[in-house]
Amino acid sequence: MEAPHAVGWLAPTELGRAALEVSPLPGGRSGIRARGEISALTRPSWEQALSELAGRHAGVSYVELSDVVFVDVAGVTALAVTAMNLPDGKVVVENPPPQLPRVLEMFWPDLDRIEVAL
C-alpha cells in the first residue's frame, strides 16, 4: 500500500522499529512537525519532507522537533543542506533533540540559514 501524499505530507513510516511521522504545523505557520526518530531507516521520509518544505519556503520555515527522540548526523546534514540551498531566508528549528544543535555547531558553525530555538 502506497503512503498517501495528499497535500504533500507523509503518513507515518514504520521500518523495523523506527518510525517517523511528518505533518504540517498547526495555526497556519509555514513548516513541518516531526515525531519519532530520524535515522537511516526513516531518512527517505525526512528528506522528502524537507524537499517539500523547501518547495513551499517563503522567507521563514519552521521545523518543530519536540517529539523527535533521535536524529542522526545524516539527518542533520539533510537539514543543513536544505537550508543552504534555500534562495533566501532561514529555517527555524524548534525544540530539537540535544544532538542536533551540537552536530550543527560541530560541522556548520557559521550556517546562518538555520536558527535553533530551544
C-alpha atoms as a PDB file:
ATOM      1  CA  MET A   1       0.000   0.000   0.000  1.00  0.00           C
ATOM      2  CA  GLU A   2       1.408   3.350  -1.022  1.00  0.00           C
ATOM      3  CA  ALA A   3       1.615   6.159   1.560  1.00  0.00           C
ATOM      4  CA  PRO A   4      -0.892   8.968   0.931  1.00  0.00           C
ATOM      5  CA  HIS A   5       0.587  12.176  -0.384  1.00  0.00           C
ATOM      6  CA  ALA A   6      -2.419  14.467  -0.386  1.00  0.00           C
ATOM      7  CA  VAL A   7      -1.110  17.979   0.160  1.00  0.00           C
ATOM      8  CA  GLY A   8       2.404  16.508   0.043  1.00  0.00           C
ATOM      9  CA  TRP A   9       2.547  15.348   3.672  1.00  0.00           C
ATOM     10  CA  LEU A  10       3.755  11.997   4.815  1.00  0.00           C
ATOM     11  CA  ALA A  11       1.893   9.297   6.627  1.00  0.00           C
ATOM     12  CA  PRO A  12       3.700   7.524   9.452  1.00  0.00           C
ATOM     13  CA  THR A  13       6.591   5.422   8.209  1.00  0.00           C
ATOM     14  CA  GLU A  14       7.486   2.308  10.134  1.00  0.00           C
ATOM     15  CA  LEU A  15      10.508   0.320   9.075  1.00  0.00           C
ATOM     16  CA  GLY A  16      11.660  -2.170  11.627  1.00  0.00           C
ATOM     17  CA  ARG A  17      11.332  -0.433  14.969  1.00  0.00           C
ATOM     18  CA  ALA A  18      11.984   3.099  13.705  1.00  0.00           C
ATOM     19  CA  ALA A  19       9.066   5.373  12.944  1.00  0.00           C
ATOM     20  CA  LEU A  20       8.785   8.933  11.665  1.00  0.00           C
ATOM     21  CA  GLU A  21       5.643  10.953  11.167  1.00  0.00           C
ATOM     22  CA  VAL A  22       5.769  14.364   9.497  1.00  0.00           C
ATOM     23  CA  SER A  23       2.807  16.726   9.336  1.00  0.00           C
ATOM     24  CA  PRO A  24       2.076  20.408   8.687  1.00  0.00           C
ATOM     25  CA  LEU A  25       2.317  22.846  11.565  1.00  0.00           C
ATOM     26  CA  PRO A  26      -0.998  23.919  13.070  1.00  0.00           C
ATOM     27  CA  GLY A  27      -2.156  27.506  13.073  1.00  0.00           C
ATOM     28  CA  GLY A  28      -1.110  28.421   9.566  1.00  0.00           C
ATOM     29  CA  ARG A  29       2.628  28.664  10.274  1.00  0.00           C
ATOM     30  CA  SER A  30       4.810  27.653   7.342  1.00  0.00           C
ATOM     31  CA  GLY A  31       6.605  24.472   8.260  1.00  0.00           C
ATOM     32  CA  ILE A  32       6.527  20.907   9.480  1.00  0.00           C
ATOM     33  CA  ARG A  33       6.317  18.955  12.715  1.00  0.00           C
ATOM     34  CA  ALA A  34       8.149  15.656  13.026  1.00  0.00           C
ATOM     35  CA  ARG A  35       7.542  12.879  15.525  1.00  0.00           C
ATOM     36  CA  GLY A  36       9.659   9.764  16.106  1.00  0.00           C
ATOM     37  CA  GLU A  37      13.243   9.300  15.056  1.00  0.00           C
ATOM     38  CA  ILE A  38      15.342  10.445  12.129  1.00  0.00           C
ATOM     39  CA  SER A  39      17.784   7.685  11.263  1.00  0.00           C
ATOM     40  CA  ALA A  40      18.916   5.538   8.354  1.00  0.00           C
ATOM     41  CA  LEU A  41      15.566   3.736   8.339  1.00  0.00           C
ATOM     42  CA  THR A  42      13.435   6.881   8.235  1.00  0.00           C
ATOM     43  CA  ARG A  43      15.754   9.202   6.297  1.00  0.00           C
ATOM     44  CA  PRO A  44      13.931   8.883   2.938  1.00  0.00           C
ATOM     45  CA  SER A  45      10.746  10.241   4.542  1.00  0.00           C
ATOM     46  CA  TRP A  46      12.727  13.000   6.306  1.00  0.00           C
ATOM     47  CA  GLU A  47      14.466  14.048   3.091  1.00  0.00           C
ATOM     48  CA  GLN A  48      11.171  14.051   1.181  1.00  0.00           C
ATOM     49  CA  ALA A  49       9.555  16.236   3.869  1.00  0.00           C
ATOM     50  CA  LEU A  50      12.496  18.670   3.731  1.00  0.00           C
ATOM     51  CA  SER A  51      12.321  18.797  -0.063  1.00  0.00           C
ATOM     52  CA  GLU A  52       8.611  19.619   0.086  1.00  0.00           C
ATOM     53  CA  LEU A  53       9.283  22.224   2.777  1.00  0.00           C
ATOM     54  CA  ALA A  54      11.916  23.883   0.577  1.00  0.00           C
ATOM     55  CA  GLY A  55       9.470  23.920  -2.331  1.00  0.00           C
ATOM     56  CA  ARG A  56       7.000  25.951  -0.259  1.00  0.00           C
ATOM     57  CA  HIS A  57       9.602  28.100   1.531  1.00  0.00           C
ATOM     58  CA  ALA A  58       8.793  31.810   1.669  1.00  0.00           C
ATOM     59  CA  GLY A  59      11.244  33.643   3.905  1.00  0.00           C
ATOM     60  CA  VAL A  60      10.999  31.643   7.130  1.00  0.00           C
ATOM     61  CA  SER A  61      10.102  27.978   7.514  1.00  0.00           C
ATOM     62  CA  TYR A  62       9.663  26.254  10.860  1.00  0.00           C
ATOM     63  CA  VAL A  63      10.670  22.705  11.768  1.00  0.00           C
ATOM     64  CA  GLU A  64       9.177  21.621  15.097  1.00  0.00           C
ATOM     65  CA  LEU A  65      11.044  18.654  16.607  1.00  0.00           C
ATOM     66  CA  SER A  66       9.877  18.409  20.240  1.00  0.00           C
ATOM     67  CA  ASP A  67       8.550  14.886  19.590  1.00  0.00           C
ATOM     68  CA  VAL A  68      11.721  13.662  17.855  1.00  0.00           C
ATOM     69  CA  VAL A  69      13.643  11.360  20.169  1.00  0.00           C
ATOM     70  CA  PHE A  70      16.750  10.988  17.997  1.00  0.00           C
ATOM     71  CA  VAL A  71      18.313  12.475  14.871  1.00  0.00           C
ATOM     72  CA  ASP A  72      21.481  11.041  13.360  1.00  0.00           C
ATOM     73  CA  VAL A  73      24.270  13.038  11.689  1.00  0.00           C
ATOM     74  CA  ALA A  74      22.914  12.310   8.213  1.00  0.00           C
ATOM     75  CA  GLY A  75      19.502  13.658   9.265  1.00  0.00           C
ATOM     76  CA  VAL A  76      21.124  16.878  10.495  1.00  0.00           C
ATOM     77  CA  THR A  77      23.121  17.014   7.257  1.00  0.00           C
ATOM     78  CA  ALA A  78      19.902  16.798   5.218  1.00  0.00           C
ATOM     79  CA  LEU A  79      18.501  19.712   7.225  1.00  0.00           C
ATOM     80  CA  ALA A  80      21.684  21.780   6.786  1.00  0.00           C
ATOM     81  CA  VAL A  81      21.859  21.115   3.041  1.00  0.00           C
ATOM     82  CA  THR A  82      18.189  22.041   2.662  1.00  0.00           C
ATOM     83  CA  ALA A  83      18.777  25.338   4.484  1.00  0.00           C
ATOM     84  CA  MET A  84      21.927  26.114   2.470  1.00  0.00           C
ATOM     85  CA  ASN A  85      20.044  25.587  -0.795  1.00  0.00           C
ATOM     86  CA  LEU A  86      17.169  27.935   0.022  1.00  0.00           C
ATOM     87  CA  PRO A  87      17.095  31.029  -2.182  1.00  0.00           C
ATOM     88  CA  ASP A  88      16.627  33.321   0.836  1.00  0.00           C
ATOM     89  CA  GLY A  89      15.518  33.414   4.439  1.00  0.00           C
ATOM     90  CA  LYS A  90      16.057  30.737   7.037  1.00  0.00           C
ATOM     91  CA  VAL A  91      14.788  27.638   8.770  1.00  0.00           C
ATOM     92  CA  VAL A  92      13.887  27.921  12.447  1.00  0.00           C
ATOM     93  CA  VAL A  93      14.287  24.579  14.222  1.00  0.00           C
ATOM     94  CA  GLU A  94      12.175  24.458  17.364  1.00  0.00           C
ATOM     95  CA  ASN A  95      12.789  22.173  20.356  1.00  0.00           C
ATOM     96  CA  PRO A  96      15.252  19.767  18.706  1.00  0.00           C
ATOM     97  CA  PRO A  97      16.790  16.749  20.410  1.00  0.00           C
ATOM     98  CA  PRO A  98      20.088  17.691  22.119  1.00  0.00           C
ATOM     99  CA  GLN A  99      22.360  16.173  19.483  1.00  0.00           C
ATOM    100  CA  LEU A 100      21.033  18.389  16.659  1.00  0.00           C
ATOM    101  CA  PRO A 101      22.479  21.726  17.855  1.00  0.00           C
ATOM    102  CA  ARG A 102      25.759  20.003  18.766  1.00  0.00           C
ATOM    103  CA  VAL A 103      26.121  18.496  15.287  1.00  0.00           C
ATOM    104  CA  LEU A 104      25.240  21.817  13.629  1.00  0.00           C
ATOM    105  CA  GLU A 105      27.834  23.628  15.752  1.00  0.00           C
ATOM    106  CA  MET A 106      30.464  20.977  15.052  1.00  0.00           C
ATOM    107  CA  PHE A 107      30.090  20.804  11.260  1.00  0.00           C
ATOM    108  CA  TRP A 108      28.376  24.079  10.289  1.00  0.00           C
ATOM    109  CA  PRO A 109      29.306  26.659  12.943  1.00  0.00           C
ATOM    110  CA  ASP A 110      28.715  29.605  10.607  1.00  0.00           C
ATOM    111  CA  LEU A 111      25.499  28.439   8.977  1.00  0.00           C
ATOM    112  CA  ASP A 112      23.209  31.428   9.430  1.00  0.00           C
ATOM    113  CA  ARG A 113      20.338  29.865   7.453  1.00  0.00           C
ATOM    114  CA  ILE A 114      19.358  27.772  10.479  1.00  0.00           C
ATOM    115  CA  GLU A 115      18.218  29.211  13.783  1.00  0.00           C
ATOM    116  CA  VAL A 116      17.786  26.812  16.689  1.00  0.00           C
ATOM    117  CA  ALA A 117      15.094  27.755  19.204  1.00  0.00           C
ATOM    118  CA  LEU A 118      15.357  25.616  22.336  1.00  0.00           C
END
